[in-house]
Amino acid sequence: MTVSDQELTEVEEILDVDLDAKEAQLREAAGKDTVVKLRGVVLHVPPTKLWGAKALKVASEGDLLTWAEMVLGEDQVKELTGEGDDYEDLYLYELESLFEAVANKNGMAAGKSTGSGPRSKKRRKR
């Protein structure tokens, strides 16, 4: 919904939300990054309070590659995987281990990652 200029002139006061100040306060309150060494690379993972909503969602769904890209950022992911854009050398158990370490430190439950562990091919009889 957009507000017309006329509606704005009818408003007594418009409050400006200073998100920069809020983010600075949140960053200070959230604490320090979790530092994890994986594959010989030191990764700095921001506190969970600083993750975007989509990063939390994909983590809870077990999409740990997308989570890593969103939370770690492009530079750290490239350092972890090498210069190419493919992730064929990055294993699911590595991402799970990274996420578990961060989740444990921040007191959150890990989502069930897709493709981890054997799945039964039997169907339940009715």
Protein backbone atom coordinates (compact mmCIF):
# COMPACT_ATOMS: atom_id res chain seq x y z
CA MET A 1 0.00 0.00 0.00
CA THR A 2 1.39 3.37 -0.95
CA VAL A 3 0.64 6.64 0.76
CA SER A 4 -0.26 9.67 -1.34
CA ASP A 5 1.32 13.10 -0.81
CA GLN A 6 -2.02 14.43 0.41
CA GLU A 7 -2.24 11.69 3.05
CA LEU A 8 1.28 12.54 4.18
CA THR A 9 0.39 16.20 4.69
CA GLU A 10 -2.54 15.13 6.87
CA VAL A 11 -0.25 13.21 9.20
CA GLU A 12 1.00 15.21 12.16
CA GLU A 13 4.33 13.48 12.46
CA ILE A 14 6.20 10.89 10.44
CA LEU A 15 8.53 8.70 12.44
CA ASP A 16 11.77 7.72 10.75
CA VAL A 17 13.05 4.31 11.80
CA ASP A 18 16.84 4.37 12.03
CA LEU A 19 17.74 0.83 11.00
CA ASP A 20 21.48 1.55 11.03
CA ALA A 21 21.36 2.37 14.73
CA LYS A 22 19.15 -0.67 15.39
CA GLU A 23 21.53 -2.96 13.53
CA ALA A 24 24.50 -1.59 15.49
CA GLN A 25 22.65 -2.21 18.76
CA LEU A 26 21.65 -5.69 17.65
CA ARG A 27 25.18 -6.55 16.55
CA GLU A 28 26.55 -5.43 19.91
CA ALA A 29 23.90 -7.37 21.85
CA ALA A 30 24.20 -10.48 19.66
CA GLY A 31 27.81 -11.03 20.57
CA LYS A 32 30.78 -12.23 18.63
CA ASP A 33 30.95 -14.44 15.57
CA THR A 34 31.35 -18.17 16.03
CA VAL A 35 34.75 -19.10 14.65
CA VAL A 36 34.93 -22.57 13.11
CA LYS A 37 37.83 -24.23 11.32
CA LEU A 38 36.70 -26.48 8.46
CA ARG A 39 38.99 -27.97 5.81
CA GLY A 40 41.78 -25.83 7.23
CA VAL A 41 39.79 -22.64 6.57
CA VAL A 42 38.85 -20.40 9.48
CA LEU A 43 35.23 -19.31 9.05
CA HIS A 44 33.50 -16.49 10.91
CA VAL A 45 29.79 -17.22 11.33
CA PRO A 46 27.69 -14.31 12.59
CA PRO A 47 25.38 -14.86 15.58
CA THR A 48 21.96 -16.27 14.73
CA LYS A 49 20.25 -13.00 15.68
CA LEU A 50 21.97 -11.41 12.68
CA TRP A 51 20.86 -14.02 10.14
CA GLY A 52 18.18 -13.04 7.69
CA ALA A 53 14.76 -14.67 7.87
CA LYS A 54 15.43 -16.71 4.72
CA ALA A 55 18.70 -18.05 6.15
CA LEU A 56 16.83 -19.26 9.23
CA LYS A 57 14.15 -20.82 7.03
CA VAL A 58 16.54 -22.72 4.77
CA ALA A 59 18.52 -23.90 7.81
CA SER A 60 15.36 -25.26 9.43
CA GLU A 61 14.53 -27.02 6.15
CA GLY A 62 17.99 -28.58 6.04
CA ASP A 63 19.19 -26.72 2.93
CA LEU A 64 22.65 -26.22 4.37
CA LEU A 65 24.37 -25.20 1.14
CA THR A 66 22.00 -22.26 0.68
CA TRP A 67 22.35 -21.49 4.39
CA ALA A 68 26.15 -21.41 4.10
CA GLU A 69 26.00 -19.14 1.05
CA MET A 70 23.65 -16.72 2.84
CA VAL A 71 25.29 -16.67 6.27
CA LEU A 72 28.96 -17.03 5.42
CA GLY A 73 28.88 -14.83 2.34
CA GLU A 74 30.41 -15.38 -1.05
CA ASP A 75 34.04 -14.74 -0.03
CA GLN A 76 34.08 -17.33 2.77
CA VAL A 77 32.24 -19.94 0.68
CA LYS A 78 34.76 -19.46 -2.16
CA GLU A 79 37.61 -19.82 0.30
CA LEU A 80 36.05 -23.04 1.55
CA THR A 81 35.22 -24.55 -1.84
CA GLY A 82 37.96 -23.14 -4.03
CA GLU A 83 37.68 -20.70 -6.90
CA GLY A 84 35.12 -22.61 -8.99
CA ASP A 85 31.39 -22.20 -8.65
CA ASP A 86 30.82 -25.93 -8.30
CA TYR A 87 30.50 -27.55 -4.93
CA GLU A 88 31.28 -31.10 -5.94
CA ASP A 89 34.10 -31.35 -3.39
CA LEU A 90 31.98 -29.98 -0.55
CA TYR A 91 30.30 -32.84 1.26
CA LEU A 92 26.99 -32.83 3.11
CA TYR A 93 28.59 -34.12 6.31
CA GLU A 94 30.95 -31.12 6.26
CA LEU A 95 28.06 -28.66 6.04
CA GLU A 96 26.16 -30.60 8.71
CA SER A 97 29.20 -30.48 11.01
CA LEU A 98 29.60 -26.74 10.44
CA PHE A 99 25.94 -26.07 11.09
CA GLU A 100 25.84 -28.32 14.18
CA ALA A 101 28.82 -26.51 15.70
CA VAL A 102 27.19 -23.13 15.13
CA ALA A 103 23.74 -24.33 16.24
CA ASN A 104 25.11 -25.86 19.45
CA LYS A 105 26.97 -22.68 20.33
CA ASN A 106 23.85 -20.58 19.70
CA GLY A 107 21.38 -22.96 21.37
CA MET A 108 19.30 -23.80 18.32
CA ALA A 109 18.11 -27.07 16.81
CA ALA A 110 19.36 -28.14 13.42
CA GLY A 111 16.87 -28.89 10.66
CA LYS A 112 16.77 -32.27 8.99
CA SER A 113 18.99 -31.99 5.96
CA THR A 114 17.84 -33.50 2.73
CA GLY A 115 19.74 -36.52 1.60
CA SER A 116 21.40 -37.32 4.90
CA GLY A 117 21.22 -40.92 5.98
CA PRO A 118 19.59 -43.92 4.36
CA ARG A 119 15.90 -43.82 3.59
CA SER A 120 13.66 -46.80 3.71
CA LYS A 121 12.16 -47.70 0.35
CA LYS A 122 9.42 -49.77 1.91
CA ARG A 123 5.95 -48.35 1.99
CA ARG A 124 3.75 -48.80 4.96
CA LYS A 125 0.94 -51.29 4.41
CA ARG A 126 -2.57 -50.09 5.07
